[in-house]
Amino acid sequence: MLALRRRWMRRWWLTVLVLWASVGVVSVWSLRRTWEQLADYFTWAALRYGLAFNRLAAIGLGLCLGLTVALLVKETRFVLFGLTTTERKTLREELQKRR
């Protein structure tokens, strides 16, 4: 059962890596002028306006960061507390389907 969960998590992490390699790189590249401005003088207002005027880049970075943080929280919860009953049930059902 844990091998199946490990396989699922590997797929999720692969998805996150592909997302960062595609959407994340494009988003960071489109914000290059904002990064240059922030390197000269960092203010929270400059960061806010840089993201506000580059909405697609902000959405892309938010998607990448959000999925990464969600997976890190899920892995931490698993390490600290183990599987929940819902996850156990889902894994058992998936194992039965595969058998």
N, C-alpha and C. Protein backbone atom coordinates (compact mmCIF):
# COMPACT_ATOMS: atom_id res chain seq x y z
N MET A 1 0.82 -1.19 0.00
CA MET A 1 0.00 0.00 0.00
C MET A 1 0.87 1.26 0.00
N LEU A 2 1.95 1.23 0.77
CA LEU A 2 2.82 2.40 0.81
C LEU A 2 3.60 2.56 -0.49
N ALA A 3 3.85 1.44 -1.18
CA ALA A 3 4.53 1.55 -2.47
C ALA A 3 3.65 2.27 -3.49
N LEU A 4 2.35 2.02 -3.44
CA LEU A 4 1.42 2.71 -4.33
C LEU A 4 1.39 4.21 -4.00
N ARG A 5 1.37 4.55 -2.73
CA ARG A 5 1.38 5.96 -2.33
C ARG A 5 2.67 6.64 -2.77
N ARG A 6 3.79 5.92 -2.61
CA ARG A 6 5.07 6.46 -3.04
C ARG A 6 5.07 6.74 -4.55
N ARG A 7 4.47 5.83 -5.32
CA ARG A 7 4.37 6.02 -6.76
C ARG A 7 3.52 7.24 -7.10
N TRP A 8 2.39 7.40 -6.40
CA TRP A 8 1.53 8.57 -6.62
C TRP A 8 2.28 9.86 -6.32
N MET A 9 3.03 9.87 -5.21
CA MET A 9 3.74 11.08 -4.83
C MET A 9 4.87 11.39 -5.83
N ARG A 10 5.51 10.36 -6.34
CA ARG A 10 6.53 10.59 -7.37
C ARG A 10 5.91 11.24 -8.60
N ARG A 11 4.72 10.78 -8.97
CA ARG A 11 4.03 11.40 -10.13
C ARG A 11 3.70 12.85 -9.85
N TRP A 12 3.24 13.16 -8.63
CA TRP A 12 2.92 14.53 -8.28
C TRP A 12 4.17 15.40 -8.33
N TRP A 13 5.28 14.89 -7.78
CA TRP A 13 6.51 15.67 -7.81
C TRP A 13 7.02 15.86 -9.23
N LEU A 14 6.87 14.87 -10.07
CA LEU A 14 7.24 15.01 -11.47
C LEU A 14 6.38 16.08 -12.15
N THR A 15 5.09 16.09 -11.81
CA THR A 15 4.20 17.12 -12.35
C THR A 15 4.65 18.51 -11.90
N VAL A 16 5.03 18.64 -10.65
CA VAL A 16 5.50 19.93 -10.13
C VAL A 16 6.79 20.35 -10.84
N LEU A 17 7.70 19.42 -11.05
CA LEU A 17 8.94 19.75 -11.74
C LEU A 17 8.69 20.19 -13.18
N VAL A 18 7.80 19.50 -13.86
CA VAL A 18 7.45 19.88 -15.23
C VAL A 18 6.79 21.25 -15.24
N LEU A 19 5.93 21.51 -14.26
CA LEU A 19 5.27 22.81 -14.16
C LEU A 19 6.29 23.92 -13.94
N TRP A 20 7.25 23.69 -13.04
CA TRP A 20 8.30 24.69 -12.80
C TRP A 20 9.16 24.87 -14.05
N ALA A 21 9.46 23.77 -14.74
CA ALA A 21 10.32 23.86 -15.92
C ALA A 21 9.64 24.57 -17.09
N SER A 22 8.34 24.56 -17.13
CA SER A 22 7.64 25.20 -18.23
C SER A 22 7.05 26.54 -17.80
N VAL A 23 6.01 26.51 -16.99
CA VAL A 23 5.31 27.73 -16.59
C VAL A 23 6.18 28.60 -15.69
N GLY A 24 6.90 27.99 -14.77
CA GLY A 24 7.72 28.75 -13.84
C GLY A 24 8.84 29.53 -14.53
N VAL A 25 9.51 28.88 -15.47
CA VAL A 25 10.61 29.54 -16.18
C VAL A 25 10.07 30.69 -17.02
N VAL A 26 8.97 30.48 -17.71
CA VAL A 26 8.38 31.55 -18.53
C VAL A 26 7.93 32.71 -17.64
N SER A 27 7.35 32.41 -16.50
CA SER A 27 6.89 33.47 -15.60
C SER A 27 8.06 34.28 -15.04
N VAL A 28 9.10 33.61 -14.62
CA VAL A 28 10.27 34.31 -14.09
C VAL A 28 10.93 35.14 -15.19
N TRP A 29 10.98 34.59 -16.40
CA TRP A 29 11.59 35.32 -17.50
C TRP A 29 10.79 36.58 -17.85
N SER A 30 9.47 36.49 -17.81
CA SER A 30 8.67 37.67 -18.14
C SER A 30 8.72 38.74 -17.05
N LEU A 31 9.18 38.37 -15.88
CA LEU A 31 9.34 39.34 -14.78
C LEU A 31 10.77 39.85 -14.65
N ARG A 32 11.60 39.65 -15.65
CA ARG A 32 13.02 40.00 -15.53
C ARG A 32 13.25 41.48 -15.28
N ARG A 33 12.44 42.35 -15.87
CA ARG A 33 12.61 43.79 -15.61
C ARG A 33 12.26 44.13 -14.16
N THR A 34 11.24 43.46 -13.64
CA THR A 34 10.87 43.68 -12.24
C THR A 34 11.99 43.21 -11.32
N TRP A 35 12.62 42.07 -11.64
CA TRP A 35 13.73 41.58 -10.81
C TRP A 35 14.90 42.55 -10.84
N GLU A 36 15.18 43.11 -12.03
CA GLU A 36 16.27 44.09 -12.12
C GLU A 36 15.97 45.32 -11.26
N GLN A 37 14.75 45.78 -11.33
CA GLN A 37 14.36 46.95 -10.52
C GLN A 37 14.44 46.63 -9.03
N LEU A 38 14.01 45.44 -8.65
CA LEU A 38 14.07 45.05 -7.24
C LEU A 38 15.51 44.87 -6.77
N ALA A 39 16.42 44.48 -7.67
CA ALA A 39 17.82 44.34 -7.28
C ALA A 39 18.44 45.69 -6.96
N ASP A 40 18.00 46.74 -7.67
CA ASP A 40 18.54 48.08 -7.40
C ASP A 40 18.02 48.64 -6.09
N TYR A 41 16.71 48.60 -5.92
CA TYR A 41 16.12 49.08 -4.67
C TYR A 41 14.85 48.29 -4.39
N PHE A 42 14.94 47.49 -3.34
CA PHE A 42 13.83 46.61 -3.00
C PHE A 42 12.82 47.35 -2.14
N THR A 43 11.58 47.37 -2.61
CA THR A 43 10.46 47.83 -1.79
C THR A 43 9.30 46.89 -2.03
N TRP A 44 8.44 46.76 -1.06
CA TRP A 44 7.28 45.89 -1.22
C TRP A 44 6.33 46.46 -2.26
N ALA A 45 6.30 47.76 -2.38
CA ALA A 45 5.43 48.38 -3.39
C ALA A 45 5.90 48.03 -4.80
N ALA A 46 7.23 48.03 -5.01
CA ALA A 46 7.75 47.68 -6.33
C ALA A 46 7.43 46.23 -6.67
N LEU A 47 7.54 45.35 -5.68
CA LEU A 47 7.19 43.95 -5.91
C LEU A 47 5.70 43.80 -6.23
N ARG A 48 4.88 44.50 -5.48
CA ARG A 48 3.43 44.44 -5.69
C ARG A 48 3.04 44.94 -7.07
N TYR A 49 3.58 46.08 -7.47
CA TYR A 49 3.25 46.62 -8.78
C TYR A 49 3.84 45.77 -9.91
N GLY A 50 5.02 45.21 -9.68
CA GLY A 50 5.60 44.32 -10.69
C GLY A 50 4.72 43.12 -10.96
N LEU A 51 4.15 42.56 -9.91
CA LEU A 51 3.25 41.41 -10.09
C LEU A 51 1.88 41.85 -10.58
N ALA A 52 1.43 43.02 -10.17
CA ALA A 52 0.11 43.49 -10.59
C ALA A 52 0.07 43.80 -12.08
N PHE A 53 1.16 44.31 -12.64
CA PHE A 53 1.17 44.65 -14.05
C PHE A 53 1.60 43.49 -14.94
N ASN A 54 1.97 42.39 -14.36
CA ASN A 54 2.30 41.17 -15.10
C ASN A 54 1.44 40.04 -14.55
N ARG A 55 0.16 40.12 -14.82
CA ARG A 55 -0.80 39.18 -14.20
C ARG A 55 -0.55 37.73 -14.57
N LEU A 56 -0.28 37.46 -15.86
CA LEU A 56 -0.05 36.07 -16.25
C LEU A 56 1.17 35.47 -15.56
N ALA A 57 2.22 36.27 -15.45
CA ALA A 57 3.42 35.80 -14.75
C ALA A 57 3.12 35.57 -13.27
N ALA A 58 2.35 36.46 -12.67
CA ALA A 58 1.99 36.30 -11.26
C ALA A 58 1.14 35.06 -11.05
N ILE A 59 0.20 34.81 -11.96
CA ILE A 59 -0.64 33.62 -11.85
C ILE A 59 0.21 32.36 -12.03
N GLY A 60 1.13 32.39 -12.98
CA GLY A 60 2.02 31.24 -13.19
C GLY A 60 2.88 30.94 -11.98
N LEU A 61 3.48 31.98 -11.42
CA LEU A 61 4.29 31.77 -10.21
C LEU A 61 3.45 31.32 -9.03
N GLY A 62 2.25 31.88 -8.92
CA GLY A 62 1.35 31.46 -7.84
C GLY A 62 0.96 30.00 -7.96
N LEU A 63 0.71 29.56 -9.19
CA LEU A 63 0.37 28.15 -9.42
C LEU A 63 1.53 27.24 -9.04
N CYS A 64 2.72 27.59 -9.49
CA CYS A 64 3.90 26.77 -9.17
C CYS A 64 4.17 26.75 -7.67
N LEU A 65 4.17 27.90 -7.06
CA LEU A 65 4.43 27.97 -5.61
C LEU A 65 3.33 27.29 -4.81
N GLY A 66 2.09 27.49 -5.21
CA GLY A 66 0.97 26.88 -4.49
C GLY A 66 1.03 25.37 -4.51
N LEU A 67 1.29 24.79 -5.68
CA LEU A 67 1.35 23.33 -5.77
C LEU A 67 2.55 22.78 -5.01
N THR A 68 3.67 23.48 -5.07
CA THR A 68 4.86 23.04 -4.34
C THR A 68 4.61 23.06 -2.83
N VAL A 69 4.04 24.14 -2.33
CA VAL A 69 3.76 24.24 -0.89
C VAL A 69 2.73 23.19 -0.47
N ALA A 70 1.72 22.97 -1.29
CA ALA A 70 0.71 21.96 -0.96
C ALA A 70 1.33 20.57 -0.85
N LEU A 71 2.22 20.23 -1.76
CA LEU A 71 2.87 18.92 -1.69
C LEU A 71 3.80 18.81 -0.49
N LEU A 72 4.51 19.89 -0.18
CA LEU A 72 5.37 19.87 1.00
C LEU A 72 4.58 19.70 2.28
N VAL A 73 3.43 20.36 2.37
CA VAL A 73 2.58 20.22 3.56
C VAL A 73 2.03 18.80 3.66
N LYS A 74 1.61 18.24 2.52
CA LYS A 74 1.08 16.88 2.52
C LYS A 74 2.14 15.87 2.94
N GLU A 75 3.35 16.02 2.43
CA GLU A 75 4.44 15.12 2.81
C GLU A 75 4.79 15.26 4.29
N THR A 76 4.81 16.48 4.79
CA THR A 76 5.11 16.71 6.21
C THR A 76 4.03 16.09 7.09
N ARG A 77 2.78 16.26 6.69
CA ARG A 77 1.69 15.66 7.46
C ARG A 77 1.80 14.14 7.46
N PHE A 78 2.18 13.55 6.33
CA PHE A 78 2.34 12.10 6.26
C PHE A 78 3.48 11.63 7.17
N VAL A 79 4.60 12.36 7.16
CA VAL A 79 5.74 11.97 7.98
C VAL A 79 5.39 12.07 9.47
N LEU A 80 4.67 13.13 9.83
CA LEU A 80 4.36 13.34 11.25
C LEU A 80 3.22 12.47 11.75
N PHE A 81 2.17 12.31 10.96
CA PHE A 81 0.95 11.66 11.44
C PHE A 81 0.57 10.39 10.71
N GLY A 82 1.19 10.07 9.60
CA GLY A 82 0.83 8.88 8.84
C GLY A 82 -0.36 9.13 7.93
N LEU A 83 -0.90 8.04 7.41
CA LEU A 83 -2.04 8.12 6.49
C LEU A 83 -3.34 8.39 7.25
N THR A 84 -4.21 9.16 6.65
CA THR A 84 -5.54 9.35 7.23
C THR A 84 -6.41 8.16 6.82
N THR A 85 -7.56 8.03 7.45
CA THR A 85 -8.45 6.90 7.11
C THR A 85 -8.96 7.01 5.68
N THR A 86 -9.20 8.22 5.22
CA THR A 86 -9.65 8.41 3.83
C THR A 86 -8.57 7.99 2.85
N GLU A 87 -7.33 8.35 3.13
CA GLU A 87 -6.23 7.95 2.25
C GLU A 87 -6.04 6.44 2.26
N ARG A 88 -6.15 5.83 3.43
CA ARG A 88 -6.05 4.37 3.50
C ARG A 88 -7.13 3.70 2.67
N LYS A 89 -8.36 4.21 2.80
CA LYS A 89 -9.48 3.65 2.04
C LYS A 89 -9.25 3.79 0.54
N THR A 90 -8.80 4.96 0.11
CA THR A 90 -8.55 5.19 -1.31
C THR A 90 -7.44 4.28 -1.82
N LEU A 91 -6.38 4.12 -1.05
CA LEU A 91 -5.28 3.25 -1.46
C LEU A 91 -5.73 1.79 -1.52
N ARG A 92 -6.53 1.35 -0.56
CA ARG A 92 -7.03 -0.02 -0.59
C ARG A 92 -7.90 -0.27 -1.82
N GLU A 93 -8.78 0.69 -2.12
CA GLU A 93 -9.63 0.54 -3.31
C GLU A 93 -8.80 0.49 -4.58
N GLU A 94 -7.78 1.31 -4.65
CA GLU A 94 -6.92 1.31 -5.84
C GLU A 94 -6.13 0.00 -5.95
N LEU A 95 -5.69 -0.53 -4.82
CA LEU A 95 -4.99 -1.82 -4.84
C LEU A 95 -5.92 -2.94 -5.30
N GLN A 96 -7.16 -2.91 -4.85
CA GLN A 96 -8.12 -3.94 -5.26
C GLN A 96 -8.41 -3.85 -6.75
N LYS A 97 -8.47 -2.64 -7.29
CA LYS A 97 -8.69 -2.47 -8.72
C LYS A 97 -7.52 -3.06 -9.51
N ARG A 98 -6.31 -2.87 -9.02
CA ARG A 98 -5.12 -3.34 -9.72
C ARG A 98 -4.95 -4.84 -9.63
N ARG A 99 -5.50 -5.45 -8.58
CA ARG A 99 -5.41 -6.90 -8.45
C ARG A 99 -6.52 -7.52 -9.24
